[in-house]
Amino acid sequence: MGLFCGFWATILREISGTGIYFSIYEQSKLYFVQPNIWQSLLSGGTIGVISWTICFPFDVIKSRMQANLNNPKLIETFKKSYNEEGNIFLLQNLCYTIN
């Protein structure tokens, strides 16, 4: 418990999300010779949805770790949530995040 509860889940979320976002964004810019503002906005928005879809499960686990007062571990939180709800718990509120 305390200040660093959910730290490693946050690190996994940030590394995966940021790494995916910037690597795909840089690749998408190669398709445009001189991208205008609309192409940049479309690329950024699309890639934002893709990166959030991939890193969202880490965010769900992090939030559950922070909400639990018993100082849970990352793997324990995942196993408990998976056993209680199945694999749907990883993406069940993703639509609210990307809208």
Protein backbone atom coordinates (compact mmCIF):
# COMPACT_ATOMS: atom_id res chain seq x y z
CA MET A 1 0.00 0.00 0.00
CA GLY A 2 1.10 3.58 -0.14
CA LEU A 3 2.64 5.80 -2.72
CA PHE A 4 4.01 3.09 -5.01
CA CYS A 5 0.99 0.78 -5.15
CA GLY A 6 0.53 -0.20 -8.79
CA PHE A 7 3.94 1.15 -9.77
CA TRP A 8 5.00 -1.79 -11.97
CA ALA A 9 1.63 -1.98 -13.69
CA THR A 10 1.96 1.73 -14.44
CA ILE A 11 5.47 1.21 -15.82
CA LEU A 12 4.23 -1.63 -18.07
CA ARG A 13 1.35 0.53 -19.28
CA GLU A 14 3.55 3.53 -20.03
CA ILE A 15 6.30 1.57 -21.77
CA SER A 16 3.93 -0.41 -23.94
CA GLY A 17 1.65 2.53 -24.74
CA THR A 18 4.34 5.08 -25.46
CA GLY A 19 6.55 2.66 -27.37
CA ILE A 20 3.69 1.51 -29.56
CA TYR A 21 2.36 5.02 -30.10
CA PHE A 22 5.59 6.61 -31.24
CA SER A 23 6.85 3.68 -33.30
CA ILE A 24 3.59 3.35 -35.25
CA TYR A 25 3.20 7.13 -35.56
CA GLU A 26 6.66 7.49 -37.06
CA GLN A 27 5.88 4.70 -39.52
CA SER A 28 2.57 6.31 -40.48
CA LYS A 29 4.34 9.57 -41.33
CA LEU A 30 6.34 7.73 -43.99
CA TYR A 31 3.15 7.23 -46.00
CA PHE A 32 2.66 10.97 -46.40
CA VAL A 33 5.13 13.05 -48.41
CA GLN A 34 4.19 16.30 -46.72
CA PRO A 35 1.45 15.57 -44.18
CA ASN A 36 -1.11 18.30 -43.67
CA ILE A 37 -2.88 18.95 -40.37
CA TRP A 38 -5.78 16.58 -41.15
CA GLN A 39 -3.49 13.68 -41.99
CA SER A 40 -1.52 14.28 -38.79
CA LEU A 41 -4.71 14.42 -36.72
CA LEU A 42 -6.06 11.26 -38.33
CA SER A 43 -2.77 9.43 -37.82
CA GLY A 44 -2.46 10.54 -34.21
CA GLY A 45 -6.06 9.68 -33.36
CA THR A 46 -5.97 6.27 -35.01
CA ILE A 47 -2.70 5.36 -33.39
CA GLY A 48 -3.96 6.62 -30.03
CA VAL A 49 -6.85 4.16 -30.24
CA ILE A 50 -4.50 1.33 -31.21
CA SER A 51 -2.02 2.05 -28.41
CA TRP A 52 -4.75 2.38 -25.77
CA THR A 53 -6.30 -0.89 -26.91
CA ILE A 54 -2.98 -2.65 -26.42
CA CYS A 55 -1.98 -1.06 -23.09
CA PHE A 56 -5.46 -0.84 -21.54
CA PRO A 57 -5.22 -4.23 -19.75
CA PHE A 58 -2.23 -2.94 -17.77
CA ASP A 59 -4.26 0.12 -16.78
CA VAL A 60 -7.14 -2.05 -15.59
CA ILE A 61 -4.82 -4.13 -13.42
CA LYS A 62 -3.11 -0.99 -12.08
CA SER A 63 -6.45 0.55 -11.11
CA ARG A 64 -7.55 -2.63 -9.37
CA MET A 65 -4.27 -2.78 -7.47
CA GLN A 66 -4.67 0.81 -6.31
CA ALA A 67 -8.28 0.25 -5.26
CA ASN A 68 -7.41 -2.82 -3.18
CA LEU A 69 -6.33 -2.01 0.37
CA ASN A 70 -4.53 -5.34 0.95
CA ASN A 71 -1.35 -4.39 -0.97
CA PRO A 72 -1.87 -6.80 -3.86
CA LYS A 73 0.77 -7.91 -6.32
CA LEU A 74 0.44 -7.60 -10.09
CA ILE A 75 0.13 -11.33 -10.81
CA GLU A 76 -2.20 -11.90 -7.84
CA THR A 77 -4.51 -9.10 -9.01
CA PHE A 78 -4.56 -10.51 -12.54
CA LYS A 79 -5.30 -14.07 -11.37
CA LYS A 80 -8.06 -12.98 -8.99
CA SER A 81 -9.77 -10.80 -11.60
CA TYR A 82 -9.41 -13.48 -14.28
CA ASN A 83 -10.85 -16.19 -12.04
CA GLU A 84 -13.81 -14.02 -11.01
CA GLU A 85 -14.68 -12.41 -14.36
CA GLY A 86 -12.83 -14.22 -17.14
CA ASN A 87 -10.68 -12.51 -19.73
CA ILE A 88 -13.37 -9.92 -20.53
CA PHE A 89 -12.29 -7.85 -17.50
CA LEU A 90 -9.20 -6.68 -19.38
CA LEU A 91 -11.15 -4.71 -22.01
CA GLN A 92 -14.64 -4.23 -20.57
CA ASN A 93 -14.50 -0.41 -20.24
CA LEU A 94 -12.22 0.32 -23.18
CA CYS A 95 -15.05 1.97 -25.15
CA TYR A 96 -15.30 4.72 -22.51
CA THR A 97 -11.58 5.41 -22.77
CA ILE A 98 -11.32 5.72 -26.53
CA ASN A 99 -14.52 7.72 -27.08
